[in-house]
N, C-alpha and C. Protein backbone atom coordinates (compact mmCIF):
# COMPACT_ATOMS: atom_id res chain seq x y z
N MET A 1 0.54 -1.28 -0.35
CA MET A 1 -0.46 -0.08 0.28
C MET A 1 0.41 1.21 -0.08
N GLU A 2 0.36 2.38 -0.73
CA GLU A 2 1.00 3.63 -0.80
C GLU A 2 0.94 4.38 0.50
N LYS A 3 0.00 3.98 0.45
CA LYS A 3 -0.60 5.63 1.36
C LYS A 3 -1.98 4.82 2.05
N ILE A 4 -2.26 5.80 3.45
CA ILE A 4 -3.14 5.44 4.17
C ILE A 4 -3.93 6.74 4.76
N TYR A 5 -4.89 6.43 4.63
CA TYR A 5 -5.90 7.16 4.80
C TYR A 5 -7.20 7.22 5.97
N ILE A 6 -7.20 8.28 6.91
CA ILE A 6 -8.09 7.83 7.76
C ILE A 6 -9.36 9.15 8.16
N ARG A 7 -10.63 8.44 7.83
CA ARG A 7 -11.45 9.83 7.84
C ARG A 7 -12.12 10.50 9.60
N CYS A 8 -11.15 11.89 9.30
CA CYS A 8 -11.53 12.32 11.03
C CYS A 8 -12.64 12.01 11.42
N GLY A 9 -12.98 12.61 12.46
CA GLY A 9 -14.60 12.59 12.84
C GLY A 9 -15.31 11.34 12.84
N TYR A 10 -16.71 11.61 13.01
CA TYR A 10 -17.56 10.36 12.72
C TYR A 10 -18.08 9.76 11.31
N THR A 11 -18.25 8.59 11.34
CA THR A 11 -18.54 7.94 10.40
C THR A 11 -19.84 7.00 10.18
N ASP A 12 -21.11 7.16 9.72
CA ASP A 12 -21.71 5.89 10.14
C ASP A 12 -21.90 5.00 10.31
N MET A 13 -21.46 4.24 10.39
CA MET A 13 -20.90 2.72 10.20
C MET A 13 -21.96 1.75 9.36
N ARG A 14 -23.51 2.36 9.51
CA ARG A 14 -24.53 1.44 8.72
C ARG A 14 -23.84 1.43 7.12
N LYS A 15 -23.43 2.54 6.81
CA LYS A 15 -22.80 2.73 5.41
C LYS A 15 -21.97 1.39 5.17
N GLN A 16 -22.16 1.23 4.04
CA GLN A 16 -22.19 -0.06 2.95
C GLN A 16 -20.56 0.35 1.85
N LEU A 17 -20.42 -0.39 1.43
CA LEU A 17 -19.26 -0.47 0.69
C LEU A 17 -19.32 0.46 -0.56
N ASN A 18 -20.61 0.83 -1.25
CA ASN A 18 -20.84 2.05 -2.14
C ASN A 18 -20.70 3.45 -1.05
N GLY A 19 -21.36 3.28 -0.41
CA GLY A 19 -21.44 4.89 0.45
C GLY A 19 -20.46 4.87 1.37
N LEU A 20 -19.18 4.46 1.47
CA LEU A 20 -17.87 4.21 1.78
C LEU A 20 -17.01 5.00 0.61
N LEU A 21 -17.12 4.27 -0.46
CA LEU A 21 -16.69 4.72 -1.63
C LEU A 21 -17.00 5.75 -2.21
N ASP A 22 -18.39 6.46 -1.92
CA ASP A 22 -18.60 7.80 -2.72
C ASP A 22 -17.81 9.28 -1.42
N ILE A 23 -17.78 8.47 0.43
CA ILE A 23 -17.07 9.47 0.70
C ILE A 23 -15.26 9.40 0.12
N ILE A 24 -14.88 9.05 -0.33
CA ILE A 24 -13.64 9.02 -0.41
C ILE A 24 -13.63 9.65 -2.13
N GLN A 25 -14.39 9.19 -3.10
CA GLN A 25 -14.50 10.05 -4.37
C GLN A 25 -15.03 11.49 -4.57
N TYR A 26 -16.19 11.76 -3.59
CA TYR A 26 -16.58 13.16 -3.86
C TYR A 26 -16.53 13.51 -3.11
N ASN A 27 -16.66 13.49 -1.74
CA ASN A 27 -16.37 14.40 -0.34
C ASN A 27 -14.72 15.04 -0.27
N PHE A 28 -13.70 13.95 -0.58
CA PHE A 28 -12.41 14.02 -0.26
C PHE A 28 -11.92 14.24 -1.79
N LYS A 29 -12.06 14.01 -3.35
CA LYS A 29 -11.67 14.08 -3.96
C LYS A 29 -10.30 13.29 -4.21
N LEU A 30 -10.47 12.13 -3.41
CA LEU A 30 -9.58 10.69 -4.28
C LEU A 30 -9.92 9.90 -4.69
N ASP A 31 -8.74 8.75 -5.09
CA ASP A 31 -8.93 8.11 -6.46
C ASP A 31 -9.14 6.74 -5.17
N PRO A 32 -10.55 6.32 -5.31
CA PRO A 32 -10.51 4.63 -4.19
C PRO A 32 -10.29 3.64 -5.12
N TYR A 33 -9.47 3.81 -6.35
CA TYR A 33 -8.89 2.74 -6.90
C TYR A 33 -7.51 2.76 -6.94
N SER A 34 -6.95 3.88 -6.10
CA SER A 34 -5.35 3.82 -6.03
C SER A 34 -5.39 2.89 -5.16
N ASN A 35 -3.79 2.27 -4.39
CA ASN A 35 -3.58 1.73 -4.22
C ASN A 35 -3.05 2.21 -1.94
N SER A 36 -4.51 2.39 -2.16
CA SER A 36 -4.60 3.19 -0.78
C SER A 36 -5.44 2.31 -0.07
N LEU A 37 -5.23 2.69 1.40
CA LEU A 37 -6.08 2.17 2.22
C LEU A 37 -6.70 3.15 3.12
N PHE A 38 -8.34 3.08 3.16
CA PHE A 38 -8.85 4.07 3.64
C PHE A 38 -9.32 3.85 5.11
N LEU A 39 -10.11 4.00 6.19
CA LEU A 39 -10.24 4.43 7.23
C LEU A 39 -11.47 4.46 8.25
N PHE A 40 -12.36 4.12 8.36
CA PHE A 40 -13.40 4.59 9.23
C PHE A 40 -13.64 4.52 10.62
N CYS A 41 -13.79 5.25 11.33
CA CYS A 41 -14.29 5.03 12.60
C CYS A 41 -16.01 5.40 13.13
N GLY A 42 -16.70 4.77 13.35
CA GLY A 42 -17.91 5.18 14.44
C GLY A 42 -17.63 6.05 14.97
N LYS A 43 -18.78 6.93 15.19
CA LYS A 43 -19.14 7.18 16.81
C LYS A 43 -18.96 6.61 18.05
N ARG A 44 -19.14 5.25 17.98
CA ARG A 44 -18.59 5.02 19.76
C ARG A 44 -17.41 4.94 19.70
N ALA A 45 -16.63 4.47 18.81
CA ALA A 45 -15.08 4.25 18.53
C ALA A 45 -14.55 2.88 18.85
N ASP A 46 -15.82 1.56 18.80
CA ASP A 46 -15.49 0.74 18.79
C ASP A 46 -15.48 -0.60 17.92
N ARG A 47 -15.38 0.48 16.44
CA ARG A 47 -15.50 -0.36 15.34
C ARG A 47 -15.25 0.51 14.31
N ILE A 48 -14.06 -0.02 13.68
CA ILE A 48 -13.28 1.02 12.43
C ILE A 48 -13.96 -0.48 11.18
N LYS A 49 -13.91 0.27 9.79
CA LYS A 49 -14.28 -0.10 8.91
C LYS A 49 -12.85 0.57 7.65
N ALA A 50 -12.81 -0.39 6.81
CA ALA A 50 -11.27 -0.30 5.79
C ALA A 50 -12.04 -0.92 4.39
N VAL A 51 -11.23 0.20 3.85
CA VAL A 51 -11.61 -0.58 2.40
C VAL A 51 -10.42 0.18 1.69
N HIS A 52 -10.49 -1.33 0.32
CA HIS A 52 -8.78 -1.20 0.12
C HIS A 52 -9.39 -1.24 -1.04
N TYR A 53 -8.77 -1.25 -2.55
CA TYR A 53 -8.55 -2.04 -3.91
C TYR A 53 -7.73 -2.98 -4.11
N GLU A 54 -7.69 -4.02 -4.64
CA GLU A 54 -6.96 -4.73 -5.22
C GLU A 54 -6.40 -5.25 -6.28
N GLY A 55 -7.08 -4.69 -7.29
CA GLY A 55 -6.48 -4.48 -8.72
C GLY A 55 -7.71 -5.38 -9.47
N ASP A 56 -8.64 -6.47 -8.44
CA ASP A 56 -10.00 -7.09 -9.15
C ASP A 56 -11.06 -6.95 -8.35
N GLY A 57 -10.95 -5.94 -7.28
CA GLY A 57 -12.32 -5.75 -6.78
C GLY A 57 -11.97 -5.15 -5.14
N PHE A 58 -12.93 -4.47 -4.37
CA PHE A 58 -12.81 -4.23 -3.11
C PHE A 58 -12.92 -5.11 -2.68
N CYS A 59 -12.02 -4.55 -1.42
CA CYS A 59 -12.23 -5.36 -0.17
C CYS A 59 -12.45 -4.32 0.89
N LEU A 60 -13.79 -5.35 1.83
CA LEU A 60 -14.59 -4.27 2.85
C LEU A 60 -13.93 -4.76 4.43
N LEU A 61 -13.30 -4.55 5.20
CA LEU A 61 -12.80 -4.98 6.40
C LEU A 61 -13.30 -4.04 7.23
N TYR A 62 -14.15 -5.14 8.51
CA TYR A 62 -14.97 -4.67 9.72
C TYR A 62 -14.07 -4.91 10.71
N LYS A 63 -13.76 -4.23 11.38
CA LYS A 63 -13.16 -4.77 13.24
C LYS A 63 -14.16 -4.13 14.23
N ARG A 64 -14.24 -5.14 15.00
CA ARG A 64 -14.40 -4.19 16.53
C ARG A 64 -14.22 -5.01 17.60
N TYR A 65 -13.90 -4.21 18.67
CA TYR A 65 -12.89 -4.17 19.21
C TYR A 65 -14.44 -4.86 20.50
N GLU A 66 -13.71 -5.70 21.29
CA GLU A 66 -14.42 -6.20 22.69
C GLU A 66 -13.96 -5.37 23.50
N ASN A 67 -13.33 -5.18 24.22
CA ASN A 67 -12.89 -3.95 25.32
C ASN A 67 -12.00 -2.73 25.02
N GLY A 68 -12.24 -1.85 25.17
CA GLY A 68 -12.02 -0.56 24.92
C GLY A 68 -12.20 0.26 23.73
N ARG A 69 -11.53 0.95 23.79
CA ARG A 69 -12.03 2.42 22.37
C ARG A 69 -10.72 2.85 21.46
N LEU A 70 -10.86 3.28 20.44
CA LEU A 70 -9.96 4.03 19.56
C LEU A 70 -9.76 5.17 19.94
N GLN A 71 -8.35 5.95 19.81
CA GLN A 71 -8.46 7.34 19.78
C GLN A 71 -8.38 7.42 18.74
N TRP A 72 -9.87 8.42 17.81
CA TRP A 72 -9.24 8.69 16.75
C TRP A 72 -9.69 9.90 16.61
N PRO A 73 -9.35 10.80 15.39
CA PRO A 73 -8.89 11.69 15.53
C PRO A 73 -10.12 12.89 15.16
N ARG A 74 -11.05 14.00 16.13
CA ARG A 74 -12.08 13.99 16.00
C ARG A 74 -12.19 14.90 15.21
N THR A 75 -11.47 15.59 15.07
CA THR A 75 -11.31 17.14 14.93
C THR A 75 -11.53 17.06 12.80
N GLY A 76 -12.71 17.77 12.63
CA GLY A 76 -13.11 17.59 11.27
C GLY A 76 -13.62 16.75 10.09
N LYS A 77 -14.17 16.76 9.22
CA LYS A 77 -14.64 15.58 8.53
C LYS A 77 -13.54 15.73 7.31
N GLU A 78 -12.28 15.91 7.71
CA GLU A 78 -11.59 15.32 6.49
C GLU A 78 -10.73 14.10 6.50
N ALA A 79 -10.04 13.69 5.45
CA ALA A 79 -9.09 12.89 5.59
C ALA A 79 -7.56 12.90 5.95
N LYS A 80 -6.95 12.54 6.62
CA LYS A 80 -5.67 12.33 6.80
C LYS A 80 -4.88 11.15 6.48
N GLN A 81 -4.16 11.85 5.95
CA GLN A 81 -3.06 10.82 5.94
C GLN A 81 -2.17 10.07 6.85
N ILE A 82 -1.70 9.44 6.59
CA ILE A 82 -0.97 8.66 8.16
C ILE A 82 0.30 7.72 7.73
N SER A 83 0.83 7.06 8.59
CA SER A 83 1.94 6.12 7.56
C SER A 83 2.09 5.23 9.13
N ASP A 84 3.23 5.76 10.26
CA ASP A 84 3.62 4.62 11.65
C ASP A 84 2.90 4.60 12.28
N GLN A 85 1.71 5.87 12.44
CA GLN A 85 1.02 5.93 13.68
C GLN A 85 -0.45 4.59 13.35
N LEU A 86 -0.38 3.79 12.18
CA LEU A 86 -1.48 2.91 12.15
C LEU A 86 -1.84 2.32 12.93
N ARG A 87 -0.49 1.59 13.69
CA ARG A 87 -0.22 0.68 14.41
C ARG A 87 -1.17 1.09 15.83
N TRP A 88 -0.68 2.68 16.02
CA TRP A 88 -0.58 2.35 17.43
C TRP A 88 -2.53 3.32 17.29
N LEU A 89 -2.51 3.60 16.36
CA LEU A 89 -4.20 3.86 16.03
C LEU A 89 -5.09 2.24 16.23
N LEU A 90 -4.60 1.02 15.78
CA LEU A 90 -4.87 0.41 15.81
C LEU A 90 -5.18 -0.61 17.03
N GLU A 91 -3.84 -0.05 17.86
CA GLU A 91 -3.98 -0.63 18.99
C GLU A 91 -4.51 0.21 19.94
N GLY A 92 -5.14 1.28 20.05
CA GLY A 92 -5.91 1.96 21.24
C GLY A 92 -5.49 3.62 21.26
N LEU A 93 -4.29 3.73 20.30
CA LEU A 93 -2.93 4.81 21.40
C LEU A 93 -3.60 6.31 20.19
N ASN A 94 -3.27 6.96 20.68
CA ASN A 94 -3.63 8.29 19.63
C ASN A 94 -2.38 8.66 18.64
N PRO A 95 -2.78 8.53 17.47
CA PRO A 95 -1.98 8.87 16.84
C PRO A 95 -1.47 10.07 16.72
N GLU A 96 -1.64 10.74 17.23
CA GLU A 96 -1.46 12.25 17.04
C GLU A 96 -0.23 12.63 18.26
N GLN A 97 0.07 11.53 18.80
CA GLN A 97 1.03 12.12 20.05
C GLN A 97 2.63 12.33 19.39
N PRO A 98 3.03 13.32 20.13
CA PRO A 98 4.40 14.29 19.69
C PRO A 98 5.69 13.44 19.57
N LYS A 99 5.74 11.77 20.49
CA LYS A 99 6.62 11.21 20.62
C LYS A 99 6.64 9.82 21.17
N ALA A 100 6.99 8.84 20.89
CA ALA A 100 6.19 7.20 21.28
C ALA A 100 7.15 7.17 22.73
N VAL A 101 6.81 6.62 23.44
CA VAL A 101 7.44 6.07 24.86
C VAL A 101 8.32 5.05 23.85
N GLN A 102 9.93 5.44 24.63
CA GLN A 102 10.76 3.98 23.93
C GLN A 102 10.76 2.75 25.09
N LYS A 103 10.41 1.92 24.66
CA LYS A 103 10.67 0.70 25.57
C LYS A 103 12.08 0.09 26.15
N TRP A 104 12.86 -0.12 27.42
CA TRP A 104 13.69 0.04 27.81
C TRP A 104 13.55 -1.75 28.24
N LEU A 105 14.20 -2.85 27.64
CA LEU A 105 14.41 -4.08 28.65
C LEU A 105 15.50 -4.12 29.45
N THR A 106 15.11 -4.50 30.32
CA THR A 106 16.28 -4.70 31.94
C THR A 106 16.52 -6.05 31.57
N HIS A 107 17.93 -5.44 31.89
CA HIS A 107 19.15 -7.09 31.41
C HIS A 107 19.51 -7.75 32.86
N LYS A 108 18.86 -9.01 33.29
CA LYS A 108 19.58 -9.34 34.09
C LYS A 108 21.18 -9.23 34.29
N SER A 109 22.19 -9.36 35.14
CA SER A 109 23.26 -9.50 35.68
C SER A 109 23.52 -11.12 35.44
N GLU A 110 24.82 -11.48 34.91
CA GLU A 110 24.94 -12.75 34.34
C GLU A 110 25.25 -13.40 36.02
N ASN A 111 26.21 -12.84 36.65
CA ASN A 111 26.16 -12.98 38.24
C ASN A 111 25.12 -12.67 39.10
N THR A 112 24.34 -13.40 39.28
CA THR A 112 23.00 -12.72 40.08
C THR A 112 23.37 -13.59 41.74
N GLU A 113 23.70 -13.38 42.39
CA GLU A 113 24.14 -14.06 43.85
C GLU A 113 22.88 -13.52 44.34
N ASN A 114 22.30 -14.59 45.67
CA ASN A 114 21.65 -14.09 46.29
C ASN A 114 22.55 -13.90 47.66
N PRO A 115 22.55 -12.40 48.33
CA PRO A 115 23.44 -12.31 49.62
C PRO A 115 22.85 -13.01 51.00
């Protein structure tokens, strides 16, 4: 995939493929046939839909989170391009965070004697 777009704000999750394609093409003036992934989130922020064209047809993916909610950008009705933030977004983290917290691994000493 070349690009990933998210629709900021709420999307009516009752929309099926054709309704989502209309949003992509007419609201955002983007090409739904491009090698891009388009993500949409409902008002409750506990489910997403994704649209991707695979060359011979469209793929519509749906995910419902059993526990927790997504940190979906709620400002405006625009399409925002993201890249590395996709993993953060799908894990419920805020994709607009200024920087990620780096994980540190602690290593036990080879010589671990109890006094």
